[in-house]
Protein backbone atom coordinates (compact mmCIF):
# COMPACT_ATOMS: atom_id res chain seq x y z
CA MET A 1 1.94 -2.84 -2.60
CA LYS A 2 3.34 0.57 -1.72
CA ILE A 3 0.51 3.13 -1.70
CA ASN A 4 1.09 6.88 -1.80
CA ILE A 5 -1.74 9.38 -1.32
CA VAL A 6 -1.06 12.84 -2.74
CA SER A 7 -3.82 15.23 -1.76
CA LYS A 8 -4.46 18.47 0.10
CA ASP A 9 -7.93 17.21 1.00
CA LEU A 10 -8.10 16.55 4.76
CA ARG A 11 -10.45 13.60 4.25
CA TYR A 12 -7.53 11.65 2.89
CA VAL A 13 -5.65 11.85 6.17
CA LYS A 14 -8.45 9.69 7.55
CA VAL A 15 -8.42 7.49 4.43
CA ASN A 16 -4.71 6.87 5.01
CA GLU A 17 -5.37 5.93 8.64
CA LEU A 18 -8.02 3.44 7.54
CA LEU A 19 -5.70 1.90 4.94
CA LEU A 20 -2.99 1.46 7.58
CA GLN A 21 -5.50 -0.15 9.95
CA LYS A 22 -6.34 -2.65 7.21
CA GLY A 23 -2.67 -3.56 6.86
CA TYR A 24 -1.85 -1.67 3.67
CA ASP A 25 1.62 -0.11 3.21
CA SER A 26 0.17 3.36 2.81
CA PHE A 27 1.40 6.88 3.44
CA ILE A 28 0.33 10.41 2.56
CA SER A 29 2.76 12.99 1.29
CA PRO A 30 2.83 16.48 -0.19
CA LEU A 31 3.46 16.83 -3.90
CA GLU A 32 7.10 17.89 -3.49
CA ASP A 33 7.95 14.71 -1.53
CA TYR A 34 6.44 12.27 -4.03
CA CYS A 35 9.01 9.82 -5.40
CA GLY A 36 6.94 7.05 -6.94
CA CYS A 37 4.96 4.04 -5.68
CA ASP A 38 3.00 0.99 -6.79
CA CYS A 39 -0.35 2.73 -6.31
CA LEU A 40 -0.98 6.47 -6.42
CA ILE A 41 -4.22 7.72 -4.86
CA LEU A 42 -5.55 11.14 -5.82
CA SER A 43 -8.63 12.81 -4.41
CA ILE A 44 -12.02 12.71 -6.05
CA VAL A 45 -12.05 16.47 -6.60
CA ASN A 46 -8.53 16.51 -8.10
CA GLU A 47 -7.63 19.75 -6.37
CA LEU A 48 -4.15 19.79 -7.89
CA SER A 49 -3.57 22.37 -10.62
CA HIS A 50 -2.77 21.27 -14.17
CA GLN A 51 0.90 22.11 -13.60
CA GLU A 52 1.02 20.19 -10.31
CA LEU A 53 -0.76 17.20 -11.81
CA GLU A 54 1.50 17.14 -14.86
CA ALA A 55 4.62 17.28 -12.66
CA LEU A 56 3.30 14.53 -10.39
CA LEU A 57 2.40 12.14 -13.18
CA ALA A 58 5.64 12.81 -15.01
CA LYS A 59 7.35 11.16 -12.02
CA THR A 60 4.92 8.22 -12.07
CA LYS A 61 5.88 4.94 -13.74
CA LYS A 62 3.43 3.57 -16.29
CA SER A 63 3.21 0.39 -14.20
CA THR A 64 1.75 2.41 -11.31
CA LEU A 65 -1.94 1.97 -10.58
CA VAL A 66 -3.56 5.40 -10.31
CA LEU A 67 -6.81 5.58 -8.32
CA CYS A 68 -8.62 8.87 -8.70
CA GLY A 69 -11.76 10.82 -9.43
CA ASN A 70 -12.31 12.60 -12.75
CA GLU A 71 -10.57 9.89 -14.75
CA SER A 72 -10.58 11.81 -18.04
CA ARG A 73 -8.50 14.62 -16.53
CA ILE A 74 -5.87 12.18 -15.26
CA ARG A 75 -5.70 10.37 -18.59
CA SER A 76 -4.79 13.63 -20.33
CA PHE A 77 -1.46 13.46 -18.43
CA PHE A 78 -0.95 9.72 -17.90
CA ASP A 79 -1.44 6.73 -20.22
CA GLY A 80 -0.94 3.99 -17.65
CA CYS A 81 -3.57 2.15 -15.58
CA VAL A 82 -6.13 4.67 -14.28
CA ILE A 83 -9.24 3.68 -12.29
CA ASP A 84 -11.92 6.14 -11.22
CA TYR A 85 -13.09 4.86 -7.83
CA SER A 86 -15.99 7.32 -7.78
CA LYS A 87 -17.65 5.42 -10.64
CA ASN A 88 -19.12 2.90 -8.27
CA GLU A 89 -22.83 2.64 -7.52
CA ASP A 90 -22.28 1.77 -3.87
CA PHE A 91 -20.06 4.84 -3.47
CA LEU A 92 -22.53 7.07 -5.30
CA GLN A 93 -25.43 5.91 -3.13
CA LYS A 94 -23.54 6.31 0.15
CA ASN A 95 -22.16 9.70 -0.84
CA ALA A 96 -25.63 10.86 -1.89
CA CYS A 97 -27.04 9.92 1.52
CA LEU A 98 -24.24 11.85 3.22
CA THR A 99 -24.96 14.81 0.94
CA ALA A 100 -28.63 14.73 1.92
CA GLU A 101 -27.77 14.58 5.63
CA ALA A 102 -25.18 17.34 5.37
CA ALA A 103 -27.60 19.43 3.31
CA VAL A 104 -29.91 19.81 6.29
CA SER A 105 -27.08 21.29 8.37
CA TYR A 106 -26.28 23.57 5.44
CA ILE A 107 -29.93 24.67 5.18
CA HIS A 108 -29.92 25.46 8.90
CA SER A 109 -26.78 27.57 8.48
CA VAL A 110 -28.34 29.48 5.58
CA THR A 111 -31.83 30.03 6.99
CA LYS A 112 -30.89 30.31 10.70
CA GLU A 113 -34.20 28.55 11.33
CA SER A 114 -35.65 25.09 11.89
CA VAL A 115 -37.19 23.36 8.88
CA ASN A 116 -40.08 22.25 11.10
CA GLY A 117 -43.32 23.65 9.68
CA LYS A 118 -41.63 25.01 6.55
CA LYS A 119 -42.84 24.24 3.04
CA ALA A 120 -39.88 22.64 1.28
CA ILE A 121 -39.55 21.33 -2.24
CA VAL A 122 -36.78 19.15 -3.61
CA ILE A 123 -36.15 19.38 -7.35
CA GLY A 124 -35.07 15.97 -8.55
CA TYR A 125 -35.97 12.66 -6.94
CA GLY A 126 -32.82 10.63 -7.41
CA ARG A 127 -29.92 9.54 -5.23
CA ILE A 128 -29.88 12.78 -3.22
CA GLY A 129 -33.50 13.82 -3.57
CA LYS A 130 -35.01 10.67 -2.05
CA PRO A 131 -33.08 10.65 1.25
CA LEU A 132 -33.33 14.43 1.50
CA CYS A 133 -37.12 14.30 1.29
CA ARG A 134 -37.16 11.60 3.96
CA ILE A 135 -34.96 13.62 6.34
CA LEU A 136 -36.87 16.87 5.83
CA LYS A 137 -40.18 15.13 6.47
CA SER A 138 -38.82 13.50 9.65
CA LEU A 139 -37.92 16.99 10.89
CA GLY A 140 -41.47 18.25 10.43
CA ALA A 141 -41.26 20.01 7.07
CA SER A 142 -44.12 19.86 4.58
CA VAL A 143 -42.26 18.16 1.73
CA SER A 144 -42.91 18.24 -1.99
CA ALA A 145 -40.74 17.08 -4.85
CA TYR A 146 -40.52 17.77 -8.55
CA ALA A 147 -39.54 15.35 -11.30
CA ARG A 148 -39.91 15.62 -15.04
CA ARG A 149 -40.85 11.99 -15.72
CA GLU A 150 -44.37 10.80 -14.99
CA GLU A 151 -43.23 7.49 -13.47
CA VAL A 152 -40.98 9.36 -11.02
CA ARG A 153 -43.82 11.70 -10.05
CA ALA A 154 -45.90 8.60 -9.31
CA LYS A 155 -43.07 7.32 -7.10
CA ILE A 156 -43.01 10.64 -5.21
CA LEU A 157 -46.71 10.28 -4.41
CA HIS A 158 -46.30 6.61 -3.53
CA ASP A 159 -43.56 7.51 -1.03
CA GLY A 160 -45.86 9.92 0.77
CA TYR A 161 -44.77 13.31 -0.59
CA LYS A 162 -46.55 15.88 -2.72
CA ALA A 163 -45.64 16.18 -6.39
CA SER A 164 -45.40 19.79 -7.49
CA SER A 165 -44.41 21.79 -10.56
CA ILE A 166 -41.77 24.37 -11.43
CA GLU A 167 -44.49 26.98 -11.86
CA ARG A 168 -45.50 26.58 -8.19
CA LEU A 169 -42.01 27.11 -6.77
CA PRO A 170 -42.80 30.64 -5.48
CA GLU A 171 -45.23 29.03 -3.00
CA PHE A 172 -42.40 27.37 -1.04
CA ASP A 173 -40.20 28.56 1.80
CA ILE A 174 -37.18 26.42 0.87
CA ILE A 175 -36.33 25.29 -2.66
CA ILE A 176 -33.54 22.75 -3.04
CA ASN A 177 -32.20 21.70 -6.42
CA THR A 178 -30.40 18.40 -6.97
CA VAL A 179 -30.48 18.34 -10.80
CA PRO A 180 -27.24 19.31 -12.63
CA SER A 181 -29.13 20.94 -15.50
CA SER A 182 -30.82 24.32 -15.89
CA ILE A 183 -34.37 23.52 -14.89
CA VAL A 184 -35.67 26.62 -13.07
CA PRO A 185 -36.11 29.48 -15.54
CA LYS A 186 -35.23 33.04 -14.63
CA HIS A 187 -38.82 34.29 -14.77
CA ILE A 188 -39.78 31.82 -12.02
CA THR A 189 -37.08 32.99 -9.60
CA GLU A 190 -38.08 36.58 -10.34
CA GLN A 191 -41.52 35.75 -8.92
CA MET A 192 -40.09 34.53 -5.60
CA PRO A 193 -41.28 36.55 -2.60
CA LYS A 194 -38.67 37.91 -0.22
CA GLY A 195 -37.48 35.34 2.29
CA VAL A 196 -37.55 32.27 0.03
CA HIS A 197 -34.31 30.29 0.38
CA LEU A 198 -32.80 28.85 -2.79
CA ILE A 199 -30.34 26.00 -2.21
CA GLU A 200 -28.18 24.45 -4.95
CA LEU A 201 -26.78 20.97 -4.31
CA ALA A 202 -26.01 19.96 -7.90
CA SER A 203 -22.79 20.46 -9.82
CA PRO A 204 -22.46 22.98 -12.68
CA PRO A 205 -24.28 24.03 -14.80
CA TYR A 206 -26.64 24.05 -11.78
CA GLY A 207 -30.41 24.02 -11.81
CA PHE A 208 -31.24 27.71 -11.54
CA GLU A 209 -30.98 29.74 -14.72
CA ASN A 210 -30.40 32.83 -12.60
CA MET A 211 -27.95 32.08 -9.75
CA GLU A 212 -28.36 35.44 -8.03
CA GLY A 213 -29.30 34.83 -4.40
CA VAL A 214 -28.78 31.07 -4.69
CA HIS A 215 -26.78 29.37 -1.92
CA ILE A 216 -24.39 26.83 -3.46
CA GLY A 217 -23.81 23.86 -1.18
CA SER A 218 -20.86 22.20 -2.88
CA SER A 219 -18.91 19.19 -1.52
CA LEU A 220 -21.01 19.16 1.64
CA PRO A 221 -20.02 15.69 2.93
CA GLY A 222 -16.35 16.71 3.00
CA LYS A 223 -17.11 20.01 4.70
CA ILE A 224 -19.71 18.92 7.24
CA LEU A 225 -19.20 15.14 7.68
CA PRO A 226 -15.52 14.66 6.76
CA TYR A 227 -14.91 11.48 8.79
CA SER A 228 -17.99 9.77 7.39
CA ALA A 229 -17.10 10.98 3.90
CA ALA A 230 -13.59 9.54 4.34
CA GLU A 231 -15.03 6.15 5.30
CA VAL A 232 -17.15 6.08 2.14
CA ILE A 233 -14.10 7.01 0.04
CA PHE A 234 -12.04 4.34 1.78
CA ASP A 235 -14.64 1.65 1.02
CA ALA A 236 -14.55 2.59 -2.67
CA ILE A 237 -10.75 2.62 -2.77
CA GLU A 238 -10.39 -0.68 -0.91
CA SER A 239 -12.80 -2.32 -3.35
CA LYS A 240 -10.58 -1.26 -6.27
CA LEU A 241 -7.39 -2.31 -4.44
CA SER A 242 -8.85 -5.76 -3.78
CA LEU A 243 -9.63 -6.20 -7.47
CA ALA A 244 -6.15 -4.97 -8.43
CA GLU A 245 -4.49 -7.45 -6.09
CA LYS A 246 -6.50 -10.24 -7.72
CA GLY A 247 -5.44 -9.01 -11.16
CA ASN A 248 -8.91 -7.81 -12.13
CA THR A 249 -8.11 -4.15 -12.91
């Protein structure tokens, strides 16, 4: 199987290296050099413009397996076999843990301070929120979390953290949102004393109704832990390639 990666994302240079090490006939090329292959790999973020993507897929045979992120966007240009390798629970869990780890470095860069002794709250207690709470606590922060569902709040307490409310957010030094839905109303952020750090880790529409003064930490694994992020991407891609080779696409 001839595999061509077309991406400007530097993580995929490492992904290509890992594919070659595993014995795959893989190479990475710029858009203008693409001339077709058995398997086309595109990045999770799909950084190509609509025009670039349309031109690329116009040169792609319908028999080509396309591995990508954001499957619906690819399908608007290509009606062949498209598989979204980011829709994989193992990938999502690993990427979330990397996001949590990278988030601490991002918080340090924003605050210019240690989190030790700080009052931190994580909004959302899911894939990212759980490991982030664990890391912050290990670094000496006083950690609280917020969740809307009662059973999740019980889990927060069971795991050794404090369960707080949106109304009490102004009491914290560091507020980190992981929920991709407007959950913090404007009147709450208006009550924040000077010096409170607001960190957004979720995707749009984000968790803060008012984004003024909010630090948006987007795509942190790729920016801060690119080699580790590449390994997680590679694992997800190799899993799909293995299924394709067995005829289970």
